[in-house]
Amino acid sequence: MEDKEKKKEKKPINDAERVAKIMVENMIANMADPNFEEKRERILQGAVDKVLKKRNNNTDEDKS
């Protein structure tokens, strides 16, 4: 019976706290990387290029 009471006393870490902890760890790791901003910008620019290319292809097909 004592085991059940101990389990009730232990509160599991809720999802928001777990996510916040992971985000903080990720931010610390990113801040330690001196090239983080450049890498992030390169990834974002690549995504923008893909979207624009796809849009341009779709508009070219519509004109045909």
PDB file of N, CA and C in Angstrom:
ATOM      1  N   MET A   1       0.826  -1.189   0.000  1.00  0.00           N
ATOM      2  CA  MET A   1       0.000   0.000   0.000  1.00  0.00           C
ATOM      3  C   MET A   1       0.870   1.253   0.000  1.00  0.00           C
ATOM      4  N   GLU A   2       2.006   1.182   0.614  1.00  0.00           N
ATOM      5  CA  GLU A   2       2.896   2.331   0.655  1.00  0.00           C
ATOM      6  C   GLU A   2       3.398   2.690  -0.739  1.00  0.00           C
ATOM      7  N   ASP A   3       3.607   1.667  -1.587  1.00  0.00           N
ATOM      8  CA  ASP A   3       4.071   1.915  -2.947  1.00  0.00           C
ATOM      9  C   ASP A   3       3.063   2.744  -3.731  1.00  0.00           C
ATOM     10  N   LYS A   4       1.785   2.439  -3.560  1.00  0.00           N
ATOM     11  CA  LYS A   4       0.741   3.179  -4.267  1.00  0.00           C
ATOM     12  C   LYS A   4       0.717   4.635  -3.813  1.00  0.00           C
ATOM     13  N   GLU A   5       0.902   4.848  -2.527  1.00  0.00           N
ATOM     14  CA  GLU A   5       0.908   6.209  -2.001  1.00  0.00           C
ATOM     15  C   GLU A   5       2.107   6.989  -2.524  1.00  0.00           C
ATOM     16  N   LYS A   6       3.261   6.319  -2.630  1.00  0.00           N
ATOM     17  CA  LYS A   6       4.446   6.985  -3.151  1.00  0.00           C
ATOM     18  C   LYS A   6       4.252   7.369  -4.609  1.00  0.00           C
ATOM     19  N   LYS A   7       3.607   6.489  -5.370  1.00  0.00           N
ATOM     20  CA  LYS A   7       3.360   6.788  -6.781  1.00  0.00           C
ATOM     21  C   LYS A   7       2.425   7.981  -6.922  1.00  0.00           C
ATOM     22  N   LYS A   8       1.443   8.067  -6.036  1.00  0.00           N
ATOM     23  CA  LYS A   8       0.515   9.192  -6.087  1.00  0.00           C
ATOM     24  C   LYS A   8       1.221  10.503  -5.747  1.00  0.00           C
ATOM     25  N   GLU A   9       2.176  10.421  -4.818  1.00  0.00           N
ATOM     26  CA  GLU A   9       2.897  11.622  -4.416  1.00  0.00           C
ATOM     27  C   GLU A   9       3.782  12.147  -5.537  1.00  0.00           C
ATOM     28  N   LYS A  10       4.368  11.239  -6.314  1.00  0.00           N
ATOM     29  CA  LYS A  10       5.220  11.656  -7.423  1.00  0.00           C
ATOM     30  C   LYS A  10       4.335  12.171  -8.550  1.00  0.00           C
ATOM     31  N   LYS A  11       4.519  13.409  -8.885  1.00  0.00           N
ATOM     32  CA  LYS A  11       3.750  13.984  -9.987  1.00  0.00           C
ATOM     33  C   LYS A  11       4.582  13.874 -11.261  1.00  0.00           C
ATOM     34  N   PRO A  12       4.018  13.303 -12.301  1.00  0.00           N
ATOM     35  CA  PRO A  12       4.784  13.224 -13.550  1.00  0.00           C
ATOM     36  C   PRO A  12       4.967  14.614 -14.151  1.00  0.00           C
ATOM     37  N   ILE A  13       6.086  14.783 -14.806  1.00  0.00           N
ATOM     38  CA  ILE A  13       6.335  16.062 -15.470  1.00  0.00           C
ATOM     39  C   ILE A  13       5.336  16.180 -16.608  1.00  0.00           C
ATOM     40  N   ASN A  14       4.589  17.256 -16.622  1.00  0.00           N
ATOM     41  CA  ASN A  14       3.598  17.391 -17.682  1.00  0.00           C
ATOM     42  C   ASN A  14       4.272  17.751 -19.005  1.00  0.00           C
ATOM     43  N   ASP A  15       3.517  17.641 -20.078  1.00  0.00           N
ATOM     44  CA  ASP A  15       4.074  17.837 -21.416  1.00  0.00           C
ATOM     45  C   ASP A  15       4.667  19.228 -21.606  1.00  0.00           C
ATOM     46  N   ALA A  16       4.016  20.238 -21.094  1.00  0.00           N
ATOM     47  CA  ALA A  16       4.508  21.605 -21.287  1.00  0.00           C
ATOM     48  C   ALA A  16       5.874  21.795 -20.630  1.00  0.00           C
ATOM     49  N   GLU A  17       6.044  21.259 -19.453  1.00  0.00           N
ATOM     50  CA  GLU A  17       7.334  21.380 -18.773  1.00  0.00           C
ATOM     51  C   GLU A  17       8.415  20.616 -19.524  1.00  0.00           C
ATOM     52  N   ARG A  18       8.068  19.435 -20.031  1.00  0.00           N
ATOM     53  CA  ARG A  18       9.037  18.628 -20.768  1.00  0.00           C
ATOM     54  C   ARG A  18       9.450  19.336 -22.055  1.00  0.00           C
ATOM     55  N   VAL A  19       8.485  19.896 -22.757  1.00  0.00           N
ATOM     56  CA  VAL A  19       8.783  20.623 -23.993  1.00  0.00           C
ATOM     57  C   VAL A  19       9.632  21.849 -23.696  1.00  0.00           C
ATOM     58  N   ALA A  20       9.298  22.571 -22.644  1.00  0.00           N
ATOM     59  CA  ALA A  20      10.073  23.764 -22.279  1.00  0.00           C
ATOM     60  C   ALA A  20      11.518  23.393 -21.955  1.00  0.00           C
ATOM     61  N   LYS A  21      11.708  22.302 -21.249  1.00  0.00           N
ATOM     62  CA  LYS A  21      13.057  21.855 -20.903  1.00  0.00           C
ATOM     63  C   LYS A  21      13.848  21.516 -22.167  1.00  0.00           C
ATOM     64  N   ILE A  22      13.215  20.820 -23.099  1.00  0.00           N
ATOM     65  CA  ILE A  22      13.879  20.464 -24.357  1.00  0.00           C
ATOM     66  C   ILE A  22      14.213  21.715 -25.157  1.00  0.00           C
ATOM     67  N   MET A  23      13.299  22.683 -25.180  1.00  0.00           N
ATOM     68  CA  MET A  23      13.542  23.922 -25.922  1.00  0.00           C
ATOM     69  C   MET A  23      14.731  24.684 -25.344  1.00  0.00           C
ATOM     70  N   VAL A  24      14.822  24.727 -24.030  1.00  0.00           N
ATOM     71  CA  VAL A  24      15.940  25.425 -23.390  1.00  0.00           C
ATOM     72  C   VAL A  24      17.254  24.733 -23.731  1.00  0.00           C
ATOM     73  N   GLU A  25      17.270  23.409 -23.666  1.00  0.00           N
ATOM     74  CA  GLU A  25      18.482  22.665 -24.016  1.00  0.00           C
ATOM     75  C   GLU A  25      18.881  22.934 -25.462  1.00  0.00           C
ATOM     76  N   ASN A  26      17.899  22.980 -26.343  1.00  0.00           N
ATOM     77  CA  ASN A  26      18.158  23.244 -27.760  1.00  0.00           C
ATOM     78  C   ASN A  26      18.691  24.661 -27.959  1.00  0.00           C
ATOM     79  N   MET A  27      18.117  25.633 -27.259  1.00  0.00           N
ATOM     80  CA  MET A  27      18.584  27.015 -27.378  1.00  0.00           C
ATOM     81  C   MET A  27      20.023  27.151 -26.902  1.00  0.00           C
ATOM     82  N   ILE A  28      20.352  26.475 -25.821  1.00  0.00           N
ATOM     83  CA  ILE A  28      21.723  26.526 -25.298  1.00  0.00           C
ATOM     84  C   ILE A  28      22.692  25.931 -26.308  1.00  0.00           C
ATOM     85  N   ALA A  29      22.307  24.801 -26.905  1.00  0.00           N
ATOM     86  CA  ALA A  29      23.167  24.168 -27.910  1.00  0.00           C
ATOM     87  C   ALA A  29      23.328  25.074 -29.126  1.00  0.00           C
ATOM     88  N   ASN A  30      22.252  25.729 -29.550  1.00  0.00           N
ATOM     89  CA  ASN A  30      22.321  26.624 -30.705  1.00  0.00           C
ATOM     90  C   ASN A  30      23.197  27.837 -30.415  1.00  0.00           C
ATOM     91  N   MET A  31      23.114  28.370 -29.220  1.00  0.00           N
ATOM     92  CA  MET A  31      23.919  29.536 -28.869  1.00  0.00           C
ATOM     93  C   MET A  31      25.401  29.181 -28.810  1.00  0.00           C
ATOM     94  N   ALA A  32      25.708  27.922 -28.516  1.00  0.00           N
ATOM     95  CA  ALA A  32      27.102  27.486 -28.453  1.00  0.00           C
ATOM     96  C   ALA A  32      27.712  27.344 -29.845  1.00  0.00           C
ATOM     97  N   ASP A  33      26.864  27.199 -30.874  1.00  0.00           N
ATOM     98  CA  ASP A  33      27.339  27.033 -32.251  1.00  0.00           C
ATOM     99  C   ASP A  33      27.496  28.413 -32.891  1.00  0.00           C
ATOM    100  N   PRO A  34      28.723  28.825 -33.213  1.00  0.00           N
ATOM    101  CA  PRO A  34      28.925  30.163 -33.770  1.00  0.00           C
ATOM    102  C   PRO A  34      28.316  30.335 -35.168  1.00  0.00           C
ATOM    103  N   ASN A  35      28.086  29.251 -35.875  1.00  0.00           N
ATOM    104  CA  ASN A  35      27.535  29.331 -37.233  1.00  0.00           C
ATOM    105  C   ASN A  35      26.036  29.068 -37.269  1.00  0.00           C
ATOM    106  N   PHE A  36      25.394  29.055 -36.123  1.00  0.00           N
ATOM    107  CA  PHE A  36      23.978  28.702 -36.068  1.00  0.00           C
ATOM    108  C   PHE A  36      23.113  29.620 -36.924  1.00  0.00           C
ATOM    109  N   GLU A  37      23.302  30.923 -36.807  1.00  0.00           N
ATOM    110  CA  GLU A  37      22.470  31.865 -37.559  1.00  0.00           C
ATOM    111  C   GLU A  37      22.641  31.676 -39.065  1.00  0.00           C
ATOM    112  N   GLU A  38      23.860  31.442 -39.504  1.00  0.00           N
ATOM    113  CA  GLU A  38      24.104  31.222 -40.932  1.00  0.00           C
ATOM    114  C   GLU A  38      23.416  29.947 -41.403  1.00  0.00           C
ATOM    115  N   LYS A  39      23.528  28.877 -40.621  1.00  0.00           N
ATOM    116  CA  LYS A  39      22.881  27.607 -40.979  1.00  0.00           C
ATOM    117  C   LYS A  39      21.369  27.775 -41.028  1.00  0.00           C
ATOM    118  N   ARG A  40      20.832  28.476 -40.037  1.00  0.00           N
ATOM    119  CA  ARG A  40      19.384  28.689 -39.967  1.00  0.00           C
ATOM    120  C   ARG A  40      18.905  29.486 -41.176  1.00  0.00           C
ATOM    121  N   GLU A  41      19.630  30.524 -41.513  1.00  0.00           N
ATOM    122  CA  GLU A  41      19.268  31.362 -42.656  1.00  0.00           C
ATOM    123  C   GLU A  41      19.333  30.557 -43.952  1.00  0.00           C
ATOM    124  N   ARG A  42      20.358  29.711 -44.083  1.00  0.00           N
ATOM    125  CA  ARG A  42      20.504  28.883 -45.281  1.00  0.00           C
ATOM    126  C   ARG A  42      19.327  27.906 -45.420  1.00  0.00           C
ATOM    127  N   ILE A  43      18.918  27.309 -44.307  1.00  0.00           N
ATOM    128  CA  ILE A  43      17.784  26.378 -44.322  1.00  0.00           C
ATOM    129  C   ILE A  43      16.499  27.109 -44.696  1.00  0.00           C
ATOM    130  N   LEU A  44      16.271  28.267 -44.087  1.00  0.00           N
ATOM    131  CA  LEU A  44      15.068  29.044 -44.394  1.00  0.00           C
ATOM    132  C   LEU A  44      15.052  29.496 -45.850  1.00  0.00           C
ATOM    133  N   GLN A  45      16.197  29.935 -46.356  1.00  0.00           N
ATOM    134  CA  GLN A  45      16.269  30.383 -47.745  1.00  0.00           C
ATOM    135  C   GLN A  45      16.004  29.219 -48.693  1.00  0.00           C
ATOM    136  N   GLY A  46      16.505  28.043 -48.363  1.00  0.00           N
ATOM    137  CA  GLY A  46      16.243  26.860 -49.183  1.00  0.00           C
ATOM    138  C   GLY A  46      14.759  26.537 -49.232  1.00  0.00           C
ATOM    139  N   ALA A  47      14.081  26.665 -48.101  1.00  0.00           N
ATOM    140  CA  ALA A  47      12.642  26.411 -48.055  1.00  0.00           C
ATOM    141  C   ALA A  47      11.888  27.440 -48.890  1.00  0.00           C
ATOM    142  N   VAL A  48      12.289  28.695 -48.802  1.00  0.00           N
ATOM    143  CA  VAL A  48      11.652  29.753 -49.595  1.00  0.00           C
ATOM    144  C   VAL A  48      11.851  29.487 -51.082  1.00  0.00           C
ATOM    145  N   ASP A  49      13.057  29.107 -51.464  1.00  0.00           N
ATOM    146  CA  ASP A  49      13.340  28.821 -52.871  1.00  0.00           C
ATOM    147  C   ASP A  49      12.460  27.689 -53.397  1.00  0.00           C
ATOM    148  N   LYS A  50      12.269  26.639 -52.595  1.00  0.00           N
ATOM    149  CA  LYS A  50      11.424  25.512 -53.012  1.00  0.00           C
ATOM    150  C   LYS A  50       9.982  25.957 -53.211  1.00  0.00           C
ATOM    151  N   VAL A  51       9.485  26.755 -52.273  1.00  0.00           N
ATOM    152  CA  VAL A  51       8.097  27.225 -52.366  1.00  0.00           C
ATOM    153  C   VAL A  51       7.913  28.104 -53.595  1.00  0.00           C
ATOM    154  N   LEU A  52       8.835  29.032 -53.816  1.00  0.00           N
ATOM    155  CA  LEU A  52       8.721  29.925 -54.969  1.00  0.00           C
ATOM    156  C   LEU A  52       8.816  29.149 -56.277  1.00  0.00           C
ATOM    157  N   LYS A  53       9.699  28.166 -56.332  1.00  0.00           N
ATOM    158  CA  LYS A  53       9.841  27.356 -57.538  1.00  0.00           C
ATOM    159  C   LYS A  53       8.550  26.594 -57.813  1.00  0.00           C
ATOM    160  N   LYS A  54       7.961  26.031 -56.760  1.00  0.00           N
ATOM    161  CA  LYS A  54       6.713  25.288 -56.918  1.00  0.00           C
ATOM    162  C   LYS A  54       5.588  26.217 -57.372  1.00  0.00           C
ATOM    163  N   ARG A  55       5.524  27.415 -56.799  1.00  0.00           N
ATOM    164  CA  ARG A  55       4.496  28.384 -57.201  1.00  0.00           C
ATOM    165  C   ARG A  55       4.667  28.788 -58.660  1.00  0.00           C
ATOM    166  N   ASN A  56       5.916  29.041 -59.053  1.00  0.00           N
ATOM    167  CA  ASN A  56       6.173  29.437 -60.434  1.00  0.00           C
ATOM    168  C   ASN A  56       5.798  28.327 -61.397  1.00  0.00           C
ATOM    169  N   ASN A  57       6.079  27.080 -61.048  1.00  0.00           N
ATOM    170  CA  ASN A  57       5.708  25.957 -61.902  1.00  0.00           C
ATOM    171  C   ASN A  57       4.196  25.841 -62.013  1.00  0.00           C
ATOM    172  N   ASN A  58       3.489  26.064 -60.924  1.00  0.00           N
ATOM    173  CA  ASN A  58       2.031  25.979 -60.950  1.00  0.00           C
ATOM    174  C   ASN A  58       1.426  27.106 -61.776  1.00  0.00           C
ATOM    175  N   THR A  59       1.968  28.301 -61.697  1.00  0.00           N
ATOM    176  CA  THR A  59       1.409  29.413 -62.466  1.00  0.00           C
ATOM    177  C   THR A  59       1.721  29.246 -63.947  1.00  0.00           C
ATOM    178  N   ASP A  60       2.879  28.660 -64.282  1.00  0.00           N
ATOM    179  CA  ASP A  60       3.207  28.407 -65.680  1.00  0.00           C
ATOM    180  C   ASP A  60       2.252  27.387 -66.277  1.00  0.00           C
ATOM    181  N   GLU A  61       1.863  26.377 -65.513  1.00  0.00           N
ATOM    182  CA  GLU A  61       0.926  25.368 -65.994  1.00  0.00           C
ATOM    183  C   GLU A  61      -0.458  25.976 -66.186  1.00  0.00           C
ATOM    184  N   ASP A  62      -0.838  26.914 -65.326  1.00  0.00           N
ATOM    185  CA  ASP A  62      -2.143  27.555 -65.431  1.00  0.00           C
ATOM    186  C   ASP A  62      -2.240  28.405 -66.693  1.00  0.00           C
ATOM    187  N   LYS A  63      -1.133  28.992 -67.127  1.00  0.00           N
ATOM    188  CA  LYS A  63      -1.127  29.848 -68.309  1.00  0.00           C
ATOM    189  C   LYS A  63      -1.257  29.035 -69.588  1.00  0.00           C
ATOM    190  N   SER A  64      -0.863  27.771 -69.559  1.00  0.00           N
ATOM    191  CA  SER A  64      -0.898  26.930 -70.765  1.00  0.00           C
ATOM    192  C   SER A  64      -2.285  26.580 -71.189  1.00  0.00           C
TER     193      SER A  64
END
